[in-house]
Amino acid sequence: MSVSFGLVGKVAVVTGSTRGIGWSVAEQLAAAGAHVVING
């Protein structure tokens, strides 16, 4: 059974997301289908 995160089409802001933990978070959210605001 696949896992549904319910994030497809959702909008996410990730601060400090050009590198490190913030970048990894942005990738995970985008991989789950969320639109992402990259912030530096």
All heavy atoms as atom14 arrays in JSON, in Angstrom:
{
  "sequence": "MSVSFGLVGKVAVVTGSTRGIGWSVAEQLAAAGAHVVING",
  "atom14_mask": [
    [1, 1, 1, 1, 1, 1, 1, 1, 0, 0, 0, 0, 0, 0],
    [1, 1, 1, 1, 1, 1, 0, 0, 0, 0, 0, 0, 0, 0],
    [1, 1, 1, 1, 1, 1, 1, 0, 0, 0, 0, 0, 0, 0],
    [1, 1, 1, 1, 1, 1, 0, 0, 0, 0, 0, 0, 0, 0],
    [1, 1, 1, 1, 1, 1, 1, 1, 1, 1, 1, 0, 0, 0],
    [1, 1, 1, 1, 0, 0, 0, 0, 0, 0, 0, 0, 0, 0],
    [1, 1, 1, 1, 1, 1, 1, 1, 0, 0, 0, 0, 0, 0],
    [1, 1, 1, 1, 1, 1, 1, 0, 0, 0, 0, 0, 0, 0],
    [1, 1, 1, 1, 0, 0, 0, 0, 0, 0, 0, 0, 0, 0],
    [1, 1, 1, 1, 1, 1, 1, 1, 1, 0, 0, 0, 0, 0],
    [1, 1, 1, 1, 1, 1, 1, 0, 0, 0, 0, 0, 0, 0],
    [1, 1, 1, 1, 1, 0, 0, 0, 0, 0, 0, 0, 0, 0],
    [1, 1, 1, 1, 1, 1, 1, 0, 0, 0, 0, 0, 0, 0],
    [1, 1, 1, 1, 1, 1, 1, 0, 0, 0, 0, 0, 0, 0],
    [1, 1, 1, 1, 1, 1, 1, 0, 0, 0, 0, 0, 0, 0],
    [1, 1, 1, 1, 0, 0, 0, 0, 0, 0, 0, 0, 0, 0],
    [1, 1, 1, 1, 1, 1, 0, 0, 0, 0, 0, 0, 0, 0],
    [1, 1, 1, 1, 1, 1, 1, 0, 0, 0, 0, 0, 0, 0],
    [1, 1, 1, 1, 1, 1, 1, 1, 1, 1, 1, 0, 0, 0],
    [1, 1, 1, 1, 0, 0, 0, 0, 0, 0, 0, 0, 0, 0],
    [1, 1, 1, 1, 1, 1, 1, 1, 0, 0, 0, 0, 0, 0],
    [1, 1, 1, 1, 0, 0, 0, 0, 0, 0, 0, 0, 0, 0],
    [1, 1, 1, 1, 1, 1, 1, 1, 1, 1, 1, 1, 1, 1],
    [1, 1, 1, 1, 1, 1, 0, 0, 0, 0, 0, 0, 0, 0],
    [1, 1, 1, 1, 1, 1, 1, 0, 0, 0, 0, 0, 0, 0],
    [1, 1, 1, 1, 1, 0, 0, 0, 0, 0, 0, 0, 0, 0],
    [1, 1, 1, 1, 1, 1, 1, 1, 1, 0, 0, 0, 0, 0],
    [1, 1, 1, 1, 1, 1, 1, 1, 1, 0, 0, 0, 0, 0],
    [1, 1, 1, 1, 1, 1, 1, 1, 0, 0, 0, 0, 0, 0],
    [1, 1, 1, 1, 1, 0, 0, 0, 0, 0, 0, 0, 0, 0],
    [1, 1, 1, 1, 1, 0, 0, 0, 0, 0, 0, 0, 0, 0],
    [1, 1, 1, 1, 1, 0, 0, 0, 0, 0, 0, 0, 0, 0],
    [1, 1, 1, 1, 0, 0, 0, 0, 0, 0, 0, 0, 0, 0],
    [1, 1, 1, 1, 1, 0, 0, 0, 0, 0, 0, 0, 0, 0],
    [1, 1, 1, 1, 1, 1, 1, 1, 1, 1, 0, 0, 0, 0],
    [1, 1, 1, 1, 1, 1, 1, 0, 0, 0, 0, 0, 0, 0],
    [1, 1, 1, 1, 1, 1, 1, 0, 0, 0, 0, 0, 0, 0],
    [1, 1, 1, 1, 1, 1, 1, 1, 0, 0, 0, 0, 0, 0],
    [1, 1, 1, 1, 1, 1, 1, 1, 0, 0, 0, 0, 0, 0],
    [1, 1, 1, 1, 0, 0, 0, 0, 0, 0, 0, 0, 0, 0]
  ],
  "atom14_positions": [
    [[0.85, -1.2, 0.0], [0.0, 0.0, 0.0], [0.88, 1.24, 0.0], [1.78, 1.37, 0.83], [-0.91, 0.01, 1.23], [-1.87, 1.2, 1.27], [-2.99, 1.12, 2.7], [-1.83, 1.38, 4.03], [0.0, 0.0, 0.0], [0.0, 0.0, 0.0], [0.0, 0.0, 0.0], [0.0, 0.0, 0.0], [0.0, 0.0, 0.0], [0.0, 0.0, 0.0]],
    [[0.66, 2.16, -0.94], [1.47, 3.37, -1.02], [1.03, 4.36, 0.05], [-0.12, 4.36, 0.49], [1.34, 4.0, -2.41], [-0.01, 4.37, -2.67], [0.0, 0.0, 0.0], [0.0, 0.0, 0.0], [0.0, 0.0, 0.0], [0.0, 0.0, 0.0], [0.0, 0.0, 0.0], [0.0, 0.0, 0.0], [0.0, 0.0, 0.0], [0.0, 0.0, 0.0]],
    [[1.96, 5.22, 0.44], [1.68, 6.23, 1.45], [1.28, 7.53, 0.77], [1.94, 7.99, -0.16], [2.92, 6.47, 2.33], [2.66, 7.61, 3.32], [3.29, 5.2, 3.08], [0.0, 0.0, 0.0], [0.0, 0.0, 0.0], [0.0, 0.0, 0.0], [0.0, 0.0, 0.0], [0.0, 0.0, 0.0], [0.0, 0.0, 0.0], [0.0, 0.0, 0.0]],
    [[0.17, 8.12, 1.19], [-0.26, 9.41, 0.66], [0.03, 10.5, 1.68], [-0.47, 10.46, 2.8], [-1.76, 9.38, 0.34], [-2.21, 10.66, -0.04], [0.0, 0.0, 0.0], [0.0, 0.0, 0.0], [0.0, 0.0, 0.0], [0.0, 0.0, 0.0], [0.0, 0.0, 0.0], [0.0, 0.0, 0.0], [0.0, 0.0, 0.0], [0.0, 0.0, 0.0]],
    [[0.84, 11.47, 1.28], [1.16, 12.57, 2.19], [0.14, 13.69, 2.08], [0.13, 14.6, 2.91], [2.55, 13.11, 1.88], [3.66, 12.12, 2.15], [4.31, 11.46, 1.12], [4.04, 11.84, 3.46], [5.32, 10.55, 1.36], [5.05, 10.93, 3.72], [5.69, 10.28, 2.68], [0.0, 0.0, 0.0], [0.0, 0.0, 0.0], [0.0, 0.0, 0.0]],
    [[-0.7, 13.66, 1.05], [-1.7, 14.71, 0.91], [-1.13, 16.07, 0.58], [-1.73, 17.1, 0.88], [0.0, 0.0, 0.0], [0.0, 0.0, 0.0], [0.0, 0.0, 0.0], [0.0, 0.0, 0.0], [0.0, 0.0, 0.0], [0.0, 0.0, 0.0], [0.0, 0.0, 0.0], [0.0, 0.0, 0.0], [0.0, 0.0, 0.0], [0.0, 0.0, 0.0]],
    [[0.04, 16.1, -0.07], [0.71, 17.38, -0.35], [0.67, 17.78, -1.82], [1.16, 18.86, -2.17], [2.17, 17.3, 0.12], [2.37, 17.28, 1.63], [3.83, 17.0, 1.98], [1.94, 18.61, 2.25], [0.0, 0.0, 0.0], [0.0, 0.0, 0.0], [0.0, 0.0, 0.0], [0.0, 0.0, 0.0], [0.0, 0.0, 0.0], [0.0, 0.0, 0.0]],
    [[0.09, 16.95, -2.67], [0.04, 17.28, -4.09], [-0.77, 18.56, -4.3], [-1.92, 18.67, -3.86], [-0.59, 16.13, -4.91], [-0.76, 16.55, -6.38], [0.27, 14.88, -4.81], [0.0, 0.0, 0.0], [0.0, 0.0, 0.0], [0.0, 0.0, 0.0], [0.0, 0.0, 0.0], [0.0, 0.0, 0.0], [0.0, 0.0, 0.0], [0.0, 0.0, 0.0]],
    [[-0.14, 19.54, -4.94], [-0.82, 20.81, -5.21], [-0.82, 21.78, -4.05], [-1.29, 22.91, -4.2], [0.0, 0.0, 0.0], [0.0, 0.0, 0.0], [0.0, 0.0, 0.0], [0.0, 0.0, 0.0], [0.0, 0.0, 0.0], [0.0, 0.0, 0.0], [0.0, 0.0, 0.0], [0.0, 0.0, 0.0], [0.0, 0.0, 0.0], [0.0, 0.0, 0.0]],
    [[-0.32, 21.36, -2.89], [-0.24, 22.27, -1.74], [0.91, 23.25, -1.95], [1.82, 23.02, -2.75], [-0.03, 21.48, -0.45], [-1.15, 20.52, -0.09], [-2.42, 21.28, 0.29], [-3.56, 20.34, 0.68], [-3.3, 19.65, 1.96], [0.0, 0.0, 0.0], [0.0, 0.0, 0.0], [0.0, 0.0, 0.0], [0.0, 0.0, 0.0], [0.0, 0.0, 0.0]],
    [[0.9, 24.35, -1.2], [1.93, 25.39, -1.32], [2.73, 25.45, -0.02], [2.15, 25.53, 1.07], [1.29, 26.76, -1.6], [2.37, 27.85, -1.67], [0.49, 26.72, -2.9], [0.0, 0.0, 0.0], [0.0, 0.0, 0.0], [0.0, 0.0, 0.0], [0.0, 0.0, 0.0], [0.0, 0.0, 0.0], [0.0, 0.0, 0.0], [0.0, 0.0, 0.0]],
    [[4.05, 25.41, -0.16], [4.94, 25.39, 1.01], [6.0, 26.47, 0.9], [6.61, 26.66, -0.16], [5.6, 24.03, 1.15], [0.0, 0.0, 0.0], [0.0, 0.0, 0.0], [0.0, 0.0, 0.0], [0.0, 0.0, 0.0], [0.0, 0.0, 0.0], [0.0, 0.0, 0.0], [0.0, 0.0, 0.0], [0.0, 0.0, 0.0], [0.0, 0.0, 0.0]],
    [[6.24, 27.16, 1.99], [7.36, 28.09, 2.12], [8.42, 27.43, 2.99], [8.11, 26.97, 4.1], [6.93, 29.43, 2.76], [8.15, 30.27, 3.12], [6.02, 30.2, 1.81], [0.0, 0.0, 0.0], [0.0, 0.0, 0.0], [0.0, 0.0, 0.0], [0.0, 0.0, 0.0], [0.0, 0.0, 0.0], [0.0, 0.0, 0.0], [0.0, 0.0, 0.0]],
    [[9.65, 27.37, 2.5], [10.76, 26.82, 3.29], [11.82, 27.9, 3.39], [12.45, 28.26, 2.39], [11.35, 25.55, 2.64], [12.43, 24.97, 3.56], [10.27, 24.52, 2.37], [0.0, 0.0, 0.0], [0.0, 0.0, 0.0], [0.0, 0.0, 0.0], [0.0, 0.0, 0.0], [0.0, 0.0, 0.0], [0.0, 0.0, 0.0], [0.0, 0.0, 0.0]],
    [[12.03, 28.44, 4.58], [13.03, 29.49, 4.74], [14.42, 28.88, 4.8], [14.59, 27.74, 5.2], [12.76, 30.32, 6.01], [13.06, 29.54, 7.17], [11.31, 30.78, 6.07], [0.0, 0.0, 0.0], [0.0, 0.0, 0.0], [0.0, 0.0, 0.0], [0.0, 0.0, 0.0], [0.0, 0.0, 0.0], [0.0, 0.0, 0.0], [0.0, 0.0, 0.0]],
    [[15.4, 29.66, 4.39], [16.78, 29.17, 4.41], [16.95, 27.9, 3.61], [17.61, 26.96, 4.05], [0.0, 0.0, 0.0], [0.0, 0.0, 0.0], [0.0, 0.0, 0.0], [0.0, 0.0, 0.0], [0.0, 0.0, 0.0], [0.0, 0.0, 0.0], [0.0, 0.0, 0.0], [0.0, 0.0, 0.0], [0.0, 0.0, 0.0], [0.0, 0.0, 0.0]],
    [[16.38, 27.88, 2.4], [16.27, 26.6, 1.67], [17.2, 26.47, 0.47], [16.98, 25.63, -0.39], [14.83, 26.39, 1.22], [14.29, 27.53, 0.59], [0.0, 0.0, 0.0], [0.0, 0.0, 0.0], [0.0, 0.0, 0.0], [0.0, 0.0, 0.0], [0.0, 0.0, 0.0], [0.0, 0.0, 0.0], [0.0, 0.0, 0.0], [0.0, 0.0, 0.0]],
    [[18.25, 27.26, 0.41], [19.19, 27.1, -0.71], [20.25, 26.04, -0.43], [20.93, 25.57, -1.34], [19.9, 28.42, -1.04], [20.6, 28.9, 0.12], [18.89, 29.47, -1.51], [0.0, 0.0, 0.0], [0.0, 0.0, 0.0], [0.0, 0.0, 0.0], [0.0, 0.0, 0.0], [0.0, 0.0, 0.0], [0.0, 0.0, 0.0], [0.0, 0.0, 0.0]],
    [[20.39, 25.65, 0.84], [21.42, 24.64, 1.17], [21.06, 23.93, 2.47], [20.12, 24.31, 3.17], [22.79, 25.29, 1.3], [22.83, 26.43, 2.31], [24.24, 27.0, 2.49], [24.84, 27.38, 1.24], [24.68, 28.58, 0.67], [23.93, 29.48, 1.27], [25.26, 28.87, -0.48], [0.0, 0.0, 0.0], [0.0, 0.0, 0.0], [0.0, 0.0, 0.0]],
    [[21.84, 22.9, 2.8], [21.7, 22.23, 4.09], [20.34, 21.62, 4.34], [19.69, 21.07, 3.44], [0.0, 0.0, 0.0], [0.0, 0.0, 0.0], [0.0, 0.0, 0.0], [0.0, 0.0, 0.0], [0.0, 0.0, 0.0], [0.0, 0.0, 0.0], [0.0, 0.0, 0.0], [0.0, 0.0, 0.0], [0.0, 0.0, 0.0], [0.0, 0.0, 0.0]],
    [[19.88, 21.71, 5.58], [18.61, 21.11, 5.97], [17.45, 21.72, 5.19], [16.55, 21.01, 4.72], [18.39, 21.26, 7.49], [19.39, 20.39, 8.25], [16.96, 20.89, 7.87], [19.38, 20.61, 9.76], [0.0, 0.0, 0.0], [0.0, 0.0, 0.0], [0.0, 0.0, 0.0], [0.0, 0.0, 0.0], [0.0, 0.0, 0.0], [0.0, 0.0, 0.0]],
    [[17.46, 23.04, 5.01], [16.37, 23.7, 4.3], [16.21, 23.2, 2.88], [15.09, 22.99, 2.41], [0.0, 0.0, 0.0], [0.0, 0.0, 0.0], [0.0, 0.0, 0.0], [0.0, 0.0, 0.0], [0.0, 0.0, 0.0], [0.0, 0.0, 0.0], [0.0, 0.0, 0.0], [0.0, 0.0, 0.0], [0.0, 0.0, 0.0], [0.0, 0.0, 0.0]],
    [[17.32, 22.99, 2.18], [17.27, 22.48, 0.82], [16.73, 21.06, 0.79], [15.91, 20.71, -0.07], [18.65, 22.55, 0.18], [18.75, 21.8, -1.12], [19.55, 20.73, -1.41], [18.01, 22.06, -2.33], [19.37, 20.31, -2.7], [18.42, 21.1, -3.3], [17.04, 22.99, -2.68], [17.9, 21.05, -4.58], [16.51, 22.94, -3.97], [16.94, 21.99, -4.9]],
    [[17.16, 20.23, 1.72], [16.67, 18.86, 1.77], [15.17, 18.83, 2.05], [14.44, 18.02, 1.47], [17.43, 18.07, 2.85], [17.07, 16.71, 2.81], [0.0, 0.0, 0.0], [0.0, 0.0, 0.0], [0.0, 0.0, 0.0], [0.0, 0.0, 0.0], [0.0, 0.0, 0.0], [0.0, 0.0, 0.0], [0.0, 0.0, 0.0], [0.0, 0.0, 0.0]],
    [[14.71, 19.71, 2.93], [13.27, 19.81, 3.21], [12.51, 20.21, 1.96], [11.47, 19.62, 1.63], [13.01, 20.82, 4.34], [11.52, 21.15, 4.44], [13.51, 20.28, 5.68], [0.0, 0.0, 0.0], [0.0, 0.0, 0.0], [0.0, 0.0, 0.0], [0.0, 0.0, 0.0], [0.0, 0.0, 0.0], [0.0, 0.0, 0.0], [0.0, 0.0, 0.0]],
    [[13.02, 21.21, 1.25], [12.36, 21.67, 0.02], [12.25, 20.53, -0.99], [11.21, 20.36, -1.64], [13.13, 22.85, -0.57], [0.0, 0.0, 0.0], [0.0, 0.0, 0.0], [0.0, 0.0, 0.0], [0.0, 0.0, 0.0], [0.0, 0.0, 0.0], [0.0, 0.0, 0.0], [0.0, 0.0, 0.0], [0.0, 0.0, 0.0], [0.0, 0.0, 0.0]],
    [[13.3, 19.74, -1.1], [13.29, 18.59, -2.02], [12.24, 17.56, -1.62], [11.51, 17.03, -2.46], [14.66, 17.94, -2.08], [15.58, 18.51, -3.13], [16.5, 17.45, -3.71], [17.37, 16.99, -2.97], [16.32, 17.09, -4.9], [0.0, 0.0, 0.0], [0.0, 0.0, 0.0], [0.0, 0.0, 0.0], [0.0, 0.0, 0.0], [0.0, 0.0, 0.0]],
    [[12.18, 17.25, -0.33], [11.21, 16.25, 0.13], [9.78, 16.71, -0.14], [8.93, 15.91, -0.57], [11.4, 16.02, 1.63], [12.66, 15.27, 2.01], [12.55, 13.77, 1.78], [11.45, 13.23, 1.63], [13.68, 13.09, 1.74], [0.0, 0.0, 0.0], [0.0, 0.0, 0.0], [0.0, 0.0, 0.0], [0.0, 0.0, 0.0], [0.0, 0.0, 0.0]],
    [[9.5, 17.98, 0.09], [8.15, 18.49, -0.13], [7.8, 18.51, -1.61], [6.69, 18.16, -2.01], [8.02, 19.89, 0.47], [8.14, 19.98, 2.0], [8.12, 21.43, 2.46], [7.03, 19.2, 2.69], [0.0, 0.0, 0.0], [0.0, 0.0, 0.0], [0.0, 0.0, 0.0], [0.0, 0.0, 0.0], [0.0, 0.0, 0.0], [0.0, 0.0, 0.0]],
    [[8.77, 18.91, -2.43], [8.53, 18.92, -3.88], [8.32, 17.5, -4.4], [7.46, 17.26, -5.26], [9.7, 19.59, -4.59], [0.0, 0.0, 0.0], [0.0, 0.0, 0.0], [0.0, 0.0, 0.0], [0.0, 0.0, 0.0], [0.0, 0.0, 0.0], [0.0, 0.0, 0.0], [0.0, 0.0, 0.0], [0.0, 0.0, 0.0], [0.0, 0.0, 0.0]],
    [[9.09, 16.55, -3.9], [8.95, 15.15, -4.31], [7.58, 14.61, -3.95], [7.06, 13.71, -4.62], [10.05, 14.3, -3.67], [0.0, 0.0, 0.0], [0.0, 0.0, 0.0], [0.0, 0.0, 0.0], [0.0, 0.0, 0.0], [0.0, 0.0, 0.0], [0.0, 0.0, 0.0], [0.0, 0.0, 0.0], [0.0, 0.0, 0.0], [0.0, 0.0, 0.0]],
    [[6.98, 15.16, -2.88], [5.64, 14.74, -2.47], [4.55, 15.5, -3.21], [3.36, 15.29, -2.94], [5.47, 14.93, -0.96], [0.0, 0.0, 0.0], [0.0, 0.0, 0.0], [0.0, 0.0, 0.0], [0.0, 0.0, 0.0], [0.0, 0.0, 0.0], [0.0, 0.0, 0.0], [0.0, 0.0, 0.0], [0.0, 0.0, 0.0], [0.0, 0.0, 0.0]],
    [[4.95, 16.39, -4.13], [3.96, 17.07, -4.97], [3.62, 18.49, -4.6], [2.73, 19.1, -5.23], [0.0, 0.0, 0.0], [0.0, 0.0, 0.0], [0.0, 0.0, 0.0], [0.0, 0.0, 0.0], [0.0, 0.0, 0.0], [0.0, 0.0, 0.0], [0.0, 0.0, 0.0], [0.0, 0.0, 0.0], [0.0, 0.0, 0.0], [0.0, 0.0, 0.0]],
    [[4.3, 19.05, -3.62], [3.99, 20.42, -3.19], [4.69, 21.45, -4.06], [5.81, 21.24, -4.52], [4.4, 20.61, -1.73], [0.0, 0.0, 0.0], [0.0, 0.0, 0.0], [0.0, 0.0, 0.0], [0.0, 0.0, 0.0], [0.0, 0.0, 0.0], [0.0, 0.0, 0.0], [0.0, 0.0, 0.0], [0.0, 0.0, 0.0], [0.0, 0.0, 0.0]],
    [[4.03, 22.57, -4.28], [4.67, 23.73, -4.88], [5.5, 24.39, -3.78], [5.02, 24.53, -2.64], [3.63, 24.71, -5.42], [2.65, 24.08, -6.38], [3.06, 23.3, -7.43], [1.29, 24.13, -6.42], [2.0, 22.89, -8.1], [0.91, 23.37, -7.51], [0.0, 0.0, 0.0], [0.0, 0.0, 0.0], [0.0, 0.0, 0.0], [0.0, 0.0, 0.0]],
    [[6.71, 24.82, -4.1], [7.64, 25.24, -3.05], [8.2, 26.63, -3.32], [8.64, 26.94, -4.44], [8.81, 24.25, -2.92], [9.79, 24.71, -1.84], [8.29, 22.85, -2.6], [0.0, 0.0, 0.0], [0.0, 0.0, 0.0], [0.0, 0.0, 0.0], [0.0, 0.0, 0.0], [0.0, 0.0, 0.0], [0.0, 0.0, 0.0], [0.0, 0.0, 0.0]],
    [[8.21, 27.46, -2.27], [8.88, 28.75, -2.3], [10.28, 28.55, -1.73], [10.44, 28.18, -0.56], [8.13, 29.8, -1.48], [8.92, 31.11, -1.44], [6.74, 30.04, -2.06], [0.0, 0.0, 0.0], [0.0, 0.0, 0.0], [0.0, 0.0, 0.0], [0.0, 0.0, 0.0], [0.0, 0.0, 0.0], [0.0, 0.0, 0.0], [0.0, 0.0, 0.0]],
    [[11.29, 28.77, -2.58], [12.68, 28.7, -2.14], [13.08, 30.08, -1.63], [12.88, 31.09, -2.31], [13.61, 28.28, -3.31], [13.29, 26.85, -3.76], [15.07, 28.41, -2.91], [13.67, 25.8, -2.74], [0.0, 0.0, 0.0], [0.0, 0.0, 0.0], [0.0, 0.0, 0.0], [0.0, 0.0, 0.0], [0.0, 0.0, 0.0], [0.0, 0.0, 0.0]],
    [[13.64, 30.12, -0.43], [13.99, 31.4, 0.19], [15.43, 31.41, 0.67], [15.92, 30.44, 1.22], [13.06, 31.67, 1.37], [13.58, 32.73, 2.32], [13.97, 32.41, 3.44], [13.62, 33.97, 1.88], [0.0, 0.0, 0.0], [0.0, 0.0, 0.0], [0.0, 0.0, 0.0], [0.0, 0.0, 0.0], [0.0, 0.0, 0.0], [0.0, 0.0, 0.0]],
    [[16.1, 32.52, 0.42], [17.43, 32.76, 0.95], [17.52, 34.2, 1.42], [16.65, 35.02, 1.1], [0.0, 0.0, 0.0], [0.0, 0.0, 0.0], [0.0, 0.0, 0.0], [0.0, 0.0, 0.0], [0.0, 0.0, 0.0], [0.0, 0.0, 0.0], [0.0, 0.0, 0.0], [0.0, 0.0, 0.0], [0.0, 0.0, 0.0], [0.0, 0.0, 0.0]]
  ]
}
